[in-house]
Amino acid sequence: MAKELTTELTFWETELETIRSVGPWQTEAEVIRDAIDALLSSHTKLRQAVAVKLYLQDKVTLSRAAEIAGMNIWQFRDHLRAQGIAIVVPEETSEDLDAMIASFRKV
């Protein structure tokens, strides 16, 4: 079993390098990014589930999660609510608010 897995991984590495070398990509990471984008663009439910999970893990902001899901922020908020997921709004510190006020005064 371990030998089969090693052989399969070696094949995937070879295939990945070959795709990179014949395509427009500079790195294998670019190939993988495009492959993931293609996968997510053709599977709406998967894209939405990934966006929700990344949001719940605090790996992306609400707006970035909405973008990943292919929704605007209001649609994504509704999507979360429909699943019973609370929307977390980060608390502003007094320093954040002071900085915001100072930036408005400069304008």
Protein backbone atom coordinates (compact mmCIF):
# COMPACT_ATOMS: atom_id res chain seq x y z
CA MET A 1 0.00 0.00 0.00
CA ALA A 2 2.79 2.44 0.91
CA LYS A 3 4.60 1.67 -2.35
CA GLU A 4 1.41 2.32 -4.36
CA LEU A 5 0.99 5.68 -2.61
CA THR A 6 4.62 6.60 -3.28
CA THR A 7 4.24 5.66 -6.94
CA GLU A 8 1.04 7.68 -7.24
CA LEU A 9 2.63 10.73 -5.59
CA THR A 10 5.65 10.47 -7.89
CA PHE A 11 3.30 10.34 -10.88
CA TRP A 12 1.36 13.41 -9.69
CA GLU A 13 4.58 15.33 -9.11
CA THR A 14 5.78 14.41 -12.61
CA GLU A 15 2.44 15.36 -14.14
CA LEU A 16 2.38 18.66 -12.26
CA GLU A 17 5.88 19.57 -13.41
CA THR A 18 4.99 18.61 -16.99
CA ILE A 19 1.84 20.75 -16.97
CA ARG A 20 3.89 23.68 -15.66
CA SER A 21 6.57 23.23 -18.29
CA VAL A 22 4.19 23.16 -21.27
CA GLY A 23 1.81 25.82 -20.00
CA PRO A 24 2.07 29.50 -19.17
CA TRP A 25 2.78 28.93 -15.46
CA GLN A 26 6.04 29.90 -13.81
CA THR A 27 5.63 27.73 -10.71
CA GLU A 28 3.82 24.58 -9.68
CA ALA A 29 1.93 26.67 -7.12
CA GLU A 30 0.41 28.68 -9.99
CA VAL A 31 -0.75 25.45 -11.65
CA ILE A 32 -2.35 24.28 -8.40
CA ARG A 33 -4.02 27.68 -7.85
CA ASP A 34 -5.54 27.61 -11.35
CA ALA A 35 -6.65 23.99 -10.86
CA ILE A 36 -8.38 24.87 -7.58
CA ASP A 37 -10.00 27.92 -9.16
CA ALA A 38 -11.33 25.76 -12.01
CA LEU A 39 -12.63 23.16 -9.56
CA LEU A 40 -14.40 25.74 -7.42
CA SER A 41 -15.83 27.63 -10.38
CA SER A 42 -17.52 24.49 -11.66
CA HIS A 43 -18.92 23.36 -8.27
CA THR A 44 -21.07 26.08 -6.70
CA LYS A 45 -21.97 24.16 -3.54
CA LEU A 46 -18.34 23.21 -2.91
CA ARG A 47 -17.24 26.84 -3.43
CA GLN A 48 -19.85 28.03 -0.93
CA ALA A 49 -18.94 25.34 1.61
CA VAL A 50 -15.25 26.23 1.35
CA ALA A 51 -16.06 29.92 1.86
CA VAL A 52 -18.16 29.17 4.95
CA LYS A 53 -15.49 26.92 6.44
CA LEU A 54 -12.71 29.45 5.85
CA TYR A 55 -14.87 32.15 7.42
CA LEU A 56 -15.69 29.99 10.45
CA GLN A 57 -12.02 29.16 10.90
CA ASP A 58 -11.29 32.90 10.88
CA LYS A 59 -8.96 32.44 7.91
CA VAL A 60 -10.79 35.01 5.75
CA THR A 61 -12.94 38.06 6.34
CA LEU A 62 -16.64 38.12 5.64
CA SER A 63 -16.08 40.06 2.42
CA ARG A 64 -13.36 37.66 1.21
CA ALA A 65 -15.55 34.66 2.05
CA ALA A 66 -18.39 36.23 0.04
CA GLU A 67 -16.01 36.67 -2.88
CA ILE A 68 -14.89 33.03 -2.67
CA ALA A 69 -18.53 31.93 -2.53
CA GLY A 70 -19.30 33.94 -5.65
CA MET A 71 -21.77 36.14 -3.79
CA ASN A 72 -21.98 39.74 -2.73
CA ILE A 73 -21.58 40.37 0.98
CA TRP A 74 -25.35 40.63 1.59
CA GLN A 75 -26.06 37.35 -0.17
CA PHE A 76 -23.31 35.65 1.81
CA ARG A 77 -24.66 37.02 5.09
CA ASP A 78 -28.07 35.60 4.17
CA HIS A 79 -26.40 32.30 3.25
CA LEU A 80 -24.75 32.15 6.69
CA ARG A 81 -27.98 33.03 8.48
CA ALA A 82 -29.86 30.33 6.55
CA GLN A 83 -27.38 27.83 7.98
CA GLY A 84 -27.78 29.19 11.50
CA ILE A 85 -24.30 30.68 11.53
CA ALA A 86 -23.80 33.88 13.48
CA ILE A 87 -21.96 36.71 11.80
CA VAL A 88 -18.99 37.81 13.85
CA VAL A 89 -18.36 41.54 13.85
CA PRO A 90 -14.92 42.41 15.18
CA GLU A 91 -14.94 44.89 18.01
CA GLU A 92 -13.29 48.23 17.38
CA THR A 93 -10.81 49.35 19.99
CA SER A 94 -10.72 52.95 21.13
CA GLU A 95 -7.38 53.26 19.30
CA ASP A 96 -9.02 52.06 16.07
CA LEU A 97 -11.81 54.59 16.47
CA ASP A 98 -9.37 57.41 17.29
CA ALA A 99 -7.34 56.60 14.18
CA MET A 100 -10.50 56.54 12.07
CA ILE A 101 -11.62 59.92 13.43
CA ALA A 102 -8.16 61.38 12.83
CA SER A 103 -8.20 60.19 9.23
CA PHE A 104 -11.59 61.88 8.67
CA ARG A 105 -10.27 65.14 10.10
CA LYS A 106 -7.43 65.15 7.56
CA VAL A 107 -9.90 65.16 4.70
